Amino acid sequence: MGKGQPSKKRGVNPKADRTPRKLEDPITYEDTNFSWRVHNNYIDYDHPKLGWHKVAILHFLKKIVQSLQSYEGHKWREVRRRKHCHPWGLDEIPTEFYNRLQERQILVDELFQIGLGNKPRVLGYKDRGIFYLIWYDPDHKFWPTKAK
């Protein structure tokens, strides 16, 4: 076609002899790679029990960041299978922490816990495939287990 000539119009209906490409299930967030962020809207620096104000920068960089990085590259489905990694419904968490979320106007449906070893955990909010840090629980005080 030359300059100034109208282009060919394509038909609205596809040809009858064509078949659609293979349809796949949409990706669920469980199939996305784990990633994490620190965001001022969520992180609780000064909670008396689980605030980040107690964490030394070297401990944060050497232990916490290193542990969180070990989950990167894994699908959320795999992370959930690991020990100490699971969601917490807001109706399951202690009142003290539920009230703190309300006080700080953190509007989430559930929390997610990531284990960093035997006792330490981080708690946060999972939005799509991203985990946002809220609290650091070095001594398992968020929901202590009963000694046997």
Protein backbone atom coordinates (compact mmCIF):
# COMPACT_ATOMS: atom_id res chain seq x y z
CA MET A 1 0.00 0.00 0.00
CA GLY A 2 1.27 3.40 -0.84
CA LYS A 3 1.16 6.62 1.03
CA GLY A 4 -2.26 8.02 1.68
CA GLN A 5 -4.07 4.76 0.90
CA PRO A 6 -6.30 3.26 3.55
CA SER A 7 -5.03 0.13 5.31
CA LYS A 8 -6.83 -3.18 5.01
CA LYS A 9 -9.52 -3.67 7.59
CA ARG A 10 -9.43 -6.93 9.45
CA GLY A 11 -12.57 -8.87 10.03
CA VAL A 12 -14.11 -8.87 13.48
CA ASN A 13 -14.69 -12.62 13.52
CA PRO A 14 -11.70 -14.96 13.37
CA LYS A 15 -11.41 -17.52 10.63
CA ALA A 16 -13.31 -20.72 11.39
CA ASP A 17 -10.31 -23.00 10.80
CA ARG A 18 -8.18 -21.36 13.51
CA THR A 19 -7.95 -22.71 17.03
CA PRO A 20 -7.06 -20.71 20.14
CA ARG A 21 -3.65 -21.04 21.68
CA LYS A 22 -3.27 -23.25 24.70
CA LEU A 23 -5.08 -21.72 27.65
CA GLU A 24 -3.21 -21.78 30.95
CA ASP A 25 -4.38 -21.16 34.46
CA PRO A 26 -3.54 -17.67 35.64
CA ILE A 27 -0.58 -17.45 37.98
CA THR A 28 -1.58 -17.50 41.62
CA TYR A 29 0.45 -15.65 44.20
CA GLU A 30 1.52 -19.01 45.59
CA ASP A 31 3.40 -19.55 42.32
CA THR A 32 5.31 -16.26 42.49
CA ASN A 33 8.79 -15.94 43.93
CA PHE A 34 9.17 -14.82 47.52
CA SER A 35 10.39 -11.26 47.89
CA TRP A 36 10.45 -8.91 50.85
CA ARG A 37 10.52 -5.19 51.54
CA VAL A 38 10.89 -2.75 54.40
CA HIS A 39 8.29 0.03 54.15
CA ASN A 40 7.56 2.83 56.61
CA ASN A 41 3.81 2.23 56.29
CA TYR A 42 4.17 -1.17 57.92
CA ILE A 43 7.35 -1.58 59.96
CA ASP A 44 6.87 -1.03 63.70
CA TYR A 45 10.08 0.48 65.05
CA ASP A 46 9.06 1.05 68.65
CA HIS A 47 6.74 -1.74 69.79
CA PRO A 48 7.90 -2.61 73.36
CA LYS A 49 8.19 -6.37 72.69
CA LEU A 50 8.69 -6.77 68.95
CA GLY A 51 9.92 -3.36 67.79
CA TRP A 52 12.90 -3.00 65.52
CA HIS A 53 14.49 -0.38 67.79
CA LYS A 54 16.23 -3.17 69.72
CA VAL A 55 17.90 -4.67 66.64
CA ALA A 56 21.54 -3.74 66.08
CA ILE A 57 22.35 -2.95 62.47
CA LEU A 58 25.00 -5.68 62.25
CA HIS A 59 22.54 -8.26 63.55
CA PHE A 60 19.98 -7.05 61.02
CA LEU A 61 22.41 -7.29 58.13
CA LYS A 62 24.17 -10.52 59.13
CA LYS A 63 21.27 -12.56 60.47
CA ILE A 64 17.90 -11.21 59.45
CA VAL A 65 18.69 -10.08 55.91
CA GLN A 66 20.72 -13.21 55.27
CA SER A 67 17.86 -15.41 56.47
CA LEU A 68 15.27 -13.57 54.37
CA GLN A 69 17.54 -13.77 51.34
CA SER A 70 17.68 -17.55 51.75
CA TYR A 71 13.96 -17.62 50.89
CA GLU A 72 14.39 -15.55 47.72
CA GLY A 73 14.16 -17.62 44.57
CA HIS A 74 11.65 -19.96 46.22
CA LYS A 75 7.98 -19.93 45.37
CA TRP A 76 5.57 -18.85 48.10
CA ARG A 77 4.14 -22.37 47.98
CA GLU A 78 7.56 -23.72 49.04
CA VAL A 79 8.01 -21.05 51.74
CA ARG A 80 4.67 -22.00 53.31
CA ARG A 81 5.85 -25.60 53.62
CA ARG A 82 8.83 -24.63 55.73
CA LYS A 83 8.80 -24.92 59.48
CA HIS A 84 7.60 -21.75 61.26
CA CYS A 85 6.33 -20.11 58.05
CA HIS A 86 2.58 -19.64 57.98
CA PRO A 87 -0.23 -17.09 57.94
CA TRP A 88 -1.99 -15.77 61.04
CA GLY A 89 -5.63 -14.78 60.75
CA LEU A 90 -6.40 -11.57 62.61
CA ASP A 91 -8.86 -13.52 64.75
CA GLU A 92 -5.97 -15.79 65.86
CA ILE A 93 -3.44 -13.22 67.02
CA PRO A 94 -3.15 -11.91 70.58
CA THR A 95 -5.31 -8.86 71.32
CA GLU A 96 -2.24 -6.74 72.11
CA PHE A 97 -0.93 -7.12 68.56
CA TYR A 98 -4.34 -6.76 66.93
CA ASN A 99 -4.82 -3.48 68.83
CA ARG A 100 -1.37 -2.31 67.73
CA LEU A 101 -2.29 -2.89 64.08
CA GLN A 102 -5.48 -0.89 64.60
CA GLU A 103 -3.62 1.90 66.43
CA ARG A 104 -1.10 2.21 63.60
CA GLN A 105 -3.90 1.95 61.00
CA ILE A 106 -2.34 -1.06 59.31
CA LEU A 107 -5.31 -2.50 57.46
CA VAL A 108 -4.46 -6.08 56.59
CA ASP A 109 -6.49 -9.28 56.29
CA GLU A 110 -3.85 -11.52 57.83
CA LEU A 111 -0.26 -11.55 59.02
CA PHE A 112 2.43 -13.89 57.81
CA GLN A 113 5.24 -15.33 59.90
CA ILE A 114 8.66 -16.25 58.52
CA GLY A 115 10.91 -18.42 60.68
CA LEU A 116 14.54 -17.34 60.89
CA GLY A 117 15.75 -20.30 62.92
CA ASN A 118 14.53 -22.11 66.00
CA LYS A 119 13.14 -19.11 67.91
CA PRO A 120 13.49 -15.89 65.90
CA ARG A 121 10.73 -14.93 63.50
CA VAL A 122 9.64 -11.91 61.54
CA LEU A 123 5.99 -11.07 61.17
CA GLY A 124 4.61 -9.02 58.37
CA TYR A 125 2.04 -8.46 55.74
CA LYS A 126 1.97 -10.33 52.44
CA ASP A 127 0.72 -8.27 49.50
CA ARG A 128 0.67 -10.34 46.34
CA GLY A 129 4.13 -11.92 46.30
CA ILE A 130 5.84 -9.33 48.51
CA PHE A 131 6.37 -9.74 52.25
CA TYR A 132 6.47 -6.42 54.15
CA LEU A 133 8.18 -6.53 57.55
CA ILE A 134 6.20 -5.36 60.58
CA TRP A 135 7.69 -6.99 63.70
CA TYR A 136 10.82 -8.85 64.72
CA ASP A 137 10.27 -11.59 67.31
CA PRO A 138 13.70 -12.81 68.48
CA ASP A 139 12.42 -14.79 71.46
CA HIS A 140 9.13 -16.20 70.16
CA LYS A 141 6.96 -13.89 72.27
CA PHE A 142 4.30 -13.19 69.66
CA TRP A 143 2.72 -16.58 70.28
CA PRO A 144 4.88 -18.48 72.77
CA THR A 145 4.74 -22.24 72.72
CA LYS A 146 4.12 -24.09 75.94
CA ALA A 147 7.06 -25.99 77.38
CA LYS A 148 6.56 -29.75 77.46
